[in-house]
Protein backbone atom coordinates (compact mmCIF):
# COMPACT_ATOMS: atom_id res chain seq x y z
CA UNK A 1 0.00 0.00 0.00
CA UNK A 2 2.78 2.49 0.85
CA UNK A 3 5.11 3.45 -1.96
CA UNK A 4 8.79 2.68 -1.48
CA UNK A 5 10.12 5.86 0.14
CA UNK A 6 13.60 4.50 0.74
CA UNK A 7 15.63 6.67 3.07
CA UNK A 8 12.83 9.28 3.25
CA UNK A 9 10.31 7.06 5.03
CA UNK A 10 10.88 8.58 8.48
CA UNK A 11 10.65 12.27 7.45
CA UNK A 12 7.63 11.69 5.21
CA UNK A 13 5.69 9.68 7.79
CA UNK A 14 6.67 12.18 10.50
CA UNK A 15 5.31 15.00 8.35
CA UNK A 16 2.03 13.14 7.86
CA UNK A 17 1.80 12.46 11.59
CA UNK A 18 2.49 16.09 12.46
CA UNK A 19 -0.11 17.25 9.93
CA UNK A 20 -2.75 14.95 11.41
CA UNK A 21 -2.00 16.15 14.95
CA UNK A 22 -2.06 19.83 13.93
CA UNK A 23 -5.25 19.46 11.90
CA UNK A 24 -6.90 17.67 14.81
CA UNK A 25 -5.83 20.46 17.13
CA UNK A 26 -7.34 23.06 14.81
CA UNK A 27 -10.62 21.15 14.69
CA UNK A 28 -10.74 20.91 18.50
CA UNK A 29 -9.89 24.60 18.89
CA UNK A 30 -12.63 25.54 16.41
CA UNK A 31 -15.20 23.42 18.21
CA UNK A 32 -14.25 24.97 21.57
CA UNK A 33 -14.45 28.46 20.11
CA UNK A 34 -17.89 27.74 18.64
CA UNK A 35 -19.11 26.42 21.99
CA UNK A 36 -17.81 29.52 23.80
CA UNK A 37 -19.41 31.80 21.21
CA UNK A 38 -22.77 30.09 21.62
CA UNK A 39 -22.60 30.58 25.40
CA UNK A 40 -21.71 34.25 24.99
CA UNK A 41 -24.49 34.81 22.48
CA UNK A 42 -27.04 33.13 24.77
CA UNK A 43 -25.99 35.37 27.67
CA UNK A 44 -26.25 38.50 25.51
CA UNK A 45 -29.68 37.48 24.27
CA UNK A 46 -30.87 36.93 27.85
CA UNK A 47 -29.62 40.38 28.84
CA UNK A 48 -31.33 41.95 25.82
CA UNK A 49 -34.63 40.21 26.63
CA UNK A 50 -34.37 41.28 30.28
CA UNK A 51 -33.86 44.90 29.23
CA UNK A 52 -36.77 44.83 26.81
CA UNK A 53 -39.07 43.43 29.53
CA UNK A 54 -38.26 46.30 31.91
PDB file of N, CA and C in Angstrom:
ATOM      1  N   UNK A   1       0.824  -1.187   0.000  1.00  0.00           N
ATOM      2  CA  UNK A   1       0.000   0.000   0.000  1.00  0.00           C
ATOM      3  C   UNK A   1       0.874   1.259   0.000  1.00  0.00           C
ATOM      4  N   UNK A   2       1.885   1.328   0.831  1.00  0.00           N
ATOM      5  CA  UNK A   2       2.776   2.487   0.846  1.00  0.00           C
ATOM      6  C   UNK A   2       3.787   2.376  -0.279  1.00  0.00           C
ATOM      7  N   UNK A   3       4.050   3.492  -0.941  1.00  0.00           N
ATOM      8  CA  UNK A   3       5.107   3.452  -1.959  1.00  0.00           C
ATOM      9  C   UNK A   3       6.473   3.309  -1.272  1.00  0.00           C
ATOM     10  N   UNK A   4       7.441   2.836  -2.018  1.00  0.00           N
ATOM     11  CA  UNK A   4       8.786   2.678  -1.477  1.00  0.00           C
ATOM     12  C   UNK A   4       9.414   4.061  -1.337  1.00  0.00           C
ATOM     13  N   UNK A   5       9.583   4.528  -0.111  1.00  0.00           N
ATOM     14  CA  UNK A   5      10.124   5.856   0.136  1.00  0.00           C
ATOM     15  C   UNK A   5      11.620   5.826   0.410  1.00  0.00           C
ATOM     16  N   UNK A   6      12.166   4.641   0.525  1.00  0.00           N
ATOM     17  CA  UNK A   6      13.601   4.500   0.745  1.00  0.00           C
ATOM     18  C   UNK A   6      14.049   5.189   2.009  1.00  0.00           C
ATOM     19  N   UNK A   7      15.064   6.011   1.893  1.00  0.00           N
ATOM     20  CA  UNK A   7      15.630   6.670   3.065  1.00  0.00           C
ATOM     21  C   UNK A   7      14.753   7.820   3.578  1.00  0.00           C
ATOM     22  N   UNK A   8      13.697   8.166   2.852  1.00  0.00           N
ATOM     23  CA  UNK A   8      12.831   9.282   3.251  1.00  0.00           C
ATOM     24  C   UNK A   8      11.599   8.843   4.035  1.00  0.00           C
ATOM     25  N   UNK A   9      11.514   7.565   4.378  1.00  0.00           N
ATOM     26  CA  UNK A   9      10.313   7.057   5.030  1.00  0.00           C
ATOM     27  C   UNK A   9      10.046   7.755   6.366  1.00  0.00           C
ATOM     28  N   UNK A  10      11.080   7.962   7.167  1.00  0.00           N
ATOM     29  CA  UNK A  10      10.884   8.583   8.480  1.00  0.00           C
ATOM     30  C   UNK A  10      10.441  10.043   8.346  1.00  0.00           C
ATOM     31  N   UNK A  11      11.111  10.878   7.552  1.00  0.00           N
ATOM     32  CA  UNK A  11      10.651  12.272   7.449  1.00  0.00           C
ATOM     33  C   UNK A  11       9.252  12.408   6.850  1.00  0.00           C
ATOM     34  N   UNK A  12       8.942  11.578   5.854  1.00  0.00           N
ATOM     35  CA  UNK A  12       7.627  11.686   5.212  1.00  0.00           C
ATOM     36  C   UNK A  12       6.528  11.262   6.182  1.00  0.00           C
ATOM     37  N   UNK A  13       6.710  10.133   6.849  1.00  0.00           N
ATOM     38  CA  UNK A  13       5.691   9.677   7.789  1.00  0.00           C
ATOM     39  C   UNK A  13       5.595  10.609   8.995  1.00  0.00           C
ATOM     40  N   UNK A  14       6.701  11.201   9.404  1.00  0.00           N
ATOM     41  CA  UNK A  14       6.672  12.181  10.497  1.00  0.00           C
ATOM     42  C   UNK A  14       5.877  13.423  10.079  1.00  0.00           C
ATOM     43  N   UNK A  15       6.057  13.840   8.847  1.00  0.00           N
ATOM     44  CA  UNK A  15       5.312  14.998   8.354  1.00  0.00           C
ATOM     45  C   UNK A  15       3.813  14.707   8.313  1.00  0.00           C
ATOM     46  N   UNK A  16       3.453  13.511   7.852  1.00  0.00           N
ATOM     47  CA  UNK A  16       2.034  13.136   7.860  1.00  0.00           C
ATOM     48  C   UNK A  16       1.485  13.103   9.280  1.00  0.00           C
ATOM     49  N   UNK A  17       2.247  12.525  10.194  1.00  0.00           N
ATOM     50  CA  UNK A  17       1.804  12.462  11.589  1.00  0.00           C
ATOM     51  C   UNK A  17       1.620  13.841  12.189  1.00  0.00           C
ATOM     52  N   UNK A  18       2.588  14.731  11.934  1.00  0.00           N
ATOM     53  CA  UNK A  18       2.487  16.094  12.456  1.00  0.00           C
ATOM     54  C   UNK A  18       1.283  16.818  11.861  1.00  0.00           C
ATOM     55  N   UNK A  19       1.038  16.605  10.575  1.00  0.00           N
ATOM     56  CA  UNK A  19      -0.106  17.254   9.927  1.00  0.00           C
ATOM     57  C   UNK A  19      -1.415  16.775  10.540  1.00  0.00           C
ATOM     58  N   UNK A  20      -1.519  15.483  10.809  1.00  0.00           N
ATOM     59  CA  UNK A  20      -2.746  14.950  11.409  1.00  0.00           C
ATOM     60  C   UNK A  20      -2.961  15.522  12.803  1.00  0.00           C
ATOM     61  N   UNK A  21      -1.891  15.601  13.587  1.00  0.00           N
ATOM     62  CA  UNK A  21      -1.996  16.149  14.946  1.00  0.00           C
ATOM     63  C   UNK A  21      -2.388  17.627  14.895  1.00  0.00           C
ATOM     64  N   UNK A  22      -1.749  18.402  14.024  1.00  0.00           N
ATOM     65  CA  UNK A  22      -2.062  19.832  13.932  1.00  0.00           C
ATOM     66  C   UNK A  22      -3.481  20.074  13.416  1.00  0.00           C
ATOM     67  N   UNK A  23      -3.887  19.308  12.421  1.00  0.00           N
ATOM     68  CA  UNK A  23      -5.254  19.460  11.896  1.00  0.00           C
ATOM     69  C   UNK A  23      -6.274  19.092  12.968  1.00  0.00           C
ATOM     70  N   UNK A  24      -6.003  18.050  13.713  1.00  0.00           N
ATOM     71  CA  UNK A  24      -6.900  17.667  14.806  1.00  0.00           C
ATOM     72  C   UNK A  24      -6.983  18.755  15.863  1.00  0.00           C
ATOM     73  N   UNK A  25      -5.842  19.367  16.172  1.00  0.00           N
ATOM     74  CA  UNK A  25      -5.830  20.465  17.133  1.00  0.00           C
ATOM     75  C   UNK A  25      -6.641  21.655  16.650  1.00  0.00           C
ATOM     76  N   UNK A  26      -6.550  21.963  15.364  1.00  0.00           N
ATOM     77  CA  UNK A  26      -7.341  23.062  14.814  1.00  0.00           C
ATOM     78  C   UNK A  26      -8.836  22.773  14.887  1.00  0.00           C
ATOM     79  N   UNK A  27      -9.206  21.530  14.613  1.00  0.00           N
ATOM     80  CA  UNK A  27     -10.616  21.151  14.694  1.00  0.00           C
ATOM     81  C   UNK A  27     -11.115  21.300  16.132  1.00  0.00           C
ATOM     82  N   UNK A  28     -10.332  20.798  17.088  1.00  0.00           N
ATOM     83  CA  UNK A  28     -10.736  20.906  18.496  1.00  0.00           C
ATOM     84  C   UNK A  28     -10.821  22.360  18.945  1.00  0.00           C
ATOM     85  N   UNK A  29      -9.860  23.180  18.526  1.00  0.00           N
ATOM     86  CA  UNK A  29      -9.888  24.602  18.886  1.00  0.00           C
ATOM     87  C   UNK A  29     -11.103  25.295  18.280  1.00  0.00           C
ATOM     88  N   UNK A  30     -11.457  24.946  17.060  1.00  0.00           N
ATOM     89  CA  UNK A  30     -12.626  25.542  16.407  1.00  0.00           C
ATOM     90  C   UNK A  30     -13.915  25.141  17.121  1.00  0.00           C
ATOM     91  N   UNK A  31     -14.006  23.874  17.502  1.00  0.00           N
ATOM     92  CA  UNK A  31     -15.199  23.417  18.212  1.00  0.00           C
ATOM     93  C   UNK A  31     -15.335  24.110  19.567  1.00  0.00           C
ATOM     94  N   UNK A  32     -14.218  24.280  20.278  1.00  0.00           N
ATOM     95  CA  UNK A  32     -14.251  24.968  21.571  1.00  0.00           C
ATOM     96  C   UNK A  32     -14.656  26.424  21.390  1.00  0.00           C
ATOM     97  N   UNK A  33     -14.113  27.061  20.372  1.00  0.00           N
ATOM     98  CA  UNK A  33     -14.448  28.459  20.107  1.00  0.00           C
ATOM     99  C   UNK A  33     -15.930  28.613  19.776  1.00  0.00           C
ATOM    100  N   UNK A  34     -16.465  27.694  18.991  1.00  0.00           N
ATOM    101  CA  UNK A  34     -17.890  27.745  18.640  1.00  0.00           C
ATOM    102  C   UNK A  34     -18.753  27.565  19.888  1.00  0.00           C
ATOM    103  N   UNK A  35     -18.350  26.659  20.757  1.00  0.00           N
ATOM    104  CA  UNK A  35     -19.106  26.421  21.994  1.00  0.00           C
ATOM    105  C   UNK A  35     -19.092  27.675  22.872  1.00  0.00           C
ATOM    106  N   UNK A  36     -17.919  28.297  23.010  1.00  0.00           N
ATOM    107  CA  UNK A  36     -17.808  29.518  23.805  1.00  0.00           C
ATOM    108  C   UNK A  36     -18.637  30.647  23.196  1.00  0.00           C
ATOM    109  N   UNK A  37     -18.632  30.752  21.882  1.00  0.00           N
ATOM    110  CA  UNK A  37     -19.406  31.796  21.211  1.00  0.00           C
ATOM    111  C   UNK A  37     -20.897  31.600  21.424  1.00  0.00           C
ATOM    112  N   UNK A  38     -21.352  30.357  21.384  1.00  0.00           N
ATOM    113  CA  UNK A  38     -22.775  30.085  21.624  1.00  0.00           C
ATOM    114  C   UNK A  38     -23.170  30.482  23.036  1.00  0.00           C
ATOM    115  N   UNK A  39     -22.305  30.202  24.020  1.00  0.00           N
ATOM    116  CA  UNK A  39     -22.601  30.584  25.402  1.00  0.00           C
ATOM    117  C   UNK A  39     -22.674  32.095  25.535  1.00  0.00           C
ATOM    118  N   UNK A  40     -21.724  32.799  24.926  1.00  0.00           N
ATOM    119  CA  UNK A  40     -21.705  34.254  24.994  1.00  0.00           C
ATOM    120  C   UNK A  40     -22.949  34.844  24.333  1.00  0.00           C
ATOM    121  N   UNK A  41     -23.314  34.315  23.184  1.00  0.00           N
ATOM    122  CA  UNK A  41     -24.495  34.806  22.484  1.00  0.00           C
ATOM    123  C   UNK A  41     -25.757  34.565  23.311  1.00  0.00           C
ATOM    124  N   UNK A  42     -25.869  33.414  23.943  1.00  0.00           N
ATOM    125  CA  UNK A  42     -27.038  33.126  24.770  1.00  0.00           C
ATOM    126  C   UNK A  42     -27.132  34.110  25.936  1.00  0.00           C
ATOM    127  N   UNK A  43     -25.989  34.412  26.557  1.00  0.00           N
ATOM    128  CA  UNK A  43     -25.992  35.372  27.670  1.00  0.00           C
ATOM    129  C   UNK A  43     -26.409  36.759  27.194  1.00  0.00           C
ATOM    130  N   UNK A  44     -25.888  37.176  26.042  1.00  0.00           N
ATOM    131  CA  UNK A  44     -26.245  38.495  25.514  1.00  0.00           C
ATOM    132  C   UNK A  44     -27.728  38.569  25.158  1.00  0.00           C
ATOM    133  N   UNK A  45     -28.258  37.494  24.604  1.00  0.00           N
ATOM    134  CA  UNK A  45     -29.680  37.480  24.271  1.00  0.00           C
ATOM    135  C   UNK A  45     -30.537  37.541  25.523  1.00  0.00           C
ATOM    136  N   UNK A  46     -30.122  36.864  26.591  1.00  0.00           N
ATOM    137  CA  UNK A  46     -30.874  36.927  27.847  1.00  0.00           C
ATOM    138  C   UNK A  46     -30.866  38.346  28.411  1.00  0.00           C
ATOM    139  N   UNK A  47     -29.706  39.002  28.352  1.00  0.00           N
ATOM    140  CA  UNK A  47     -29.618  40.379  28.839  1.00  0.00           C
ATOM    141  C   UNK A  47     -30.509  41.301  28.018  1.00  0.00           C
ATOM    142  N   UNK A  48     -30.522  41.116  26.696  1.00  0.00           N
ATOM    143  CA  UNK A  48     -31.335  41.945  25.824  1.00  0.00           C
ATOM    144  C   UNK A  48     -32.814  41.740  26.117  1.00  0.00           C
ATOM    145  N   UNK A  49     -33.217  40.497  26.326  1.00  0.00           N
ATOM    146  CA  UNK A  49     -34.626  40.213  26.630  1.00  0.00           C
ATOM    147  C   UNK A  49     -35.001  40.789  27.979  1.00  0.00           C
ATOM    148  N   UNK A  50     -34.089  40.729  28.946  1.00  0.00           N
ATOM    149  CA  UNK A  50     -34.373  41.277  30.276  1.00  0.00           C
ATOM    150  C   UNK A  50     -34.547  42.799  30.194  1.00  0.00           C
ATOM    151  N   UNK A  51     -33.740  43.454  29.377  1.00  0.00           N
ATOM    152  CA  UNK A  51     -33.864  44.905  29.228  1.00  0.00           C
ATOM    153  C   UNK A  51     -35.161  45.284  28.512  1.00  0.00           C
ATOM    154  N   UNK A  52     -35.556  44.481  27.544  1.00  0.00           N
ATOM    155  CA  UNK A  52     -36.774  44.826  26.807  1.00  0.00           C
ATOM    156  C   UNK A  52     -38.027  44.577  27.652  1.00  0.00           C
ATOM    157  N   UNK A  53     -37.933  43.710  28.647  1.00  0.00           N
ATOM    158  CA  UNK A  53     -39.071  43.433  29.532  1.00  0.00           C
ATOM    159  C   UNK A  53     -39.228  44.502  30.604  1.00  0.00           C
ATOM    160  N   UNK A  54     -38.193  45.277  30.851  1.00  0.00           N
ATOM    161  CA  UNK A  54     -38.262  46.298  31.907  1.00  0.00           C
ATOM    162  C   UNK A  54     -39.023  47.508  31.508  1.00  0.00           C
TER     163      UNK A  54
END
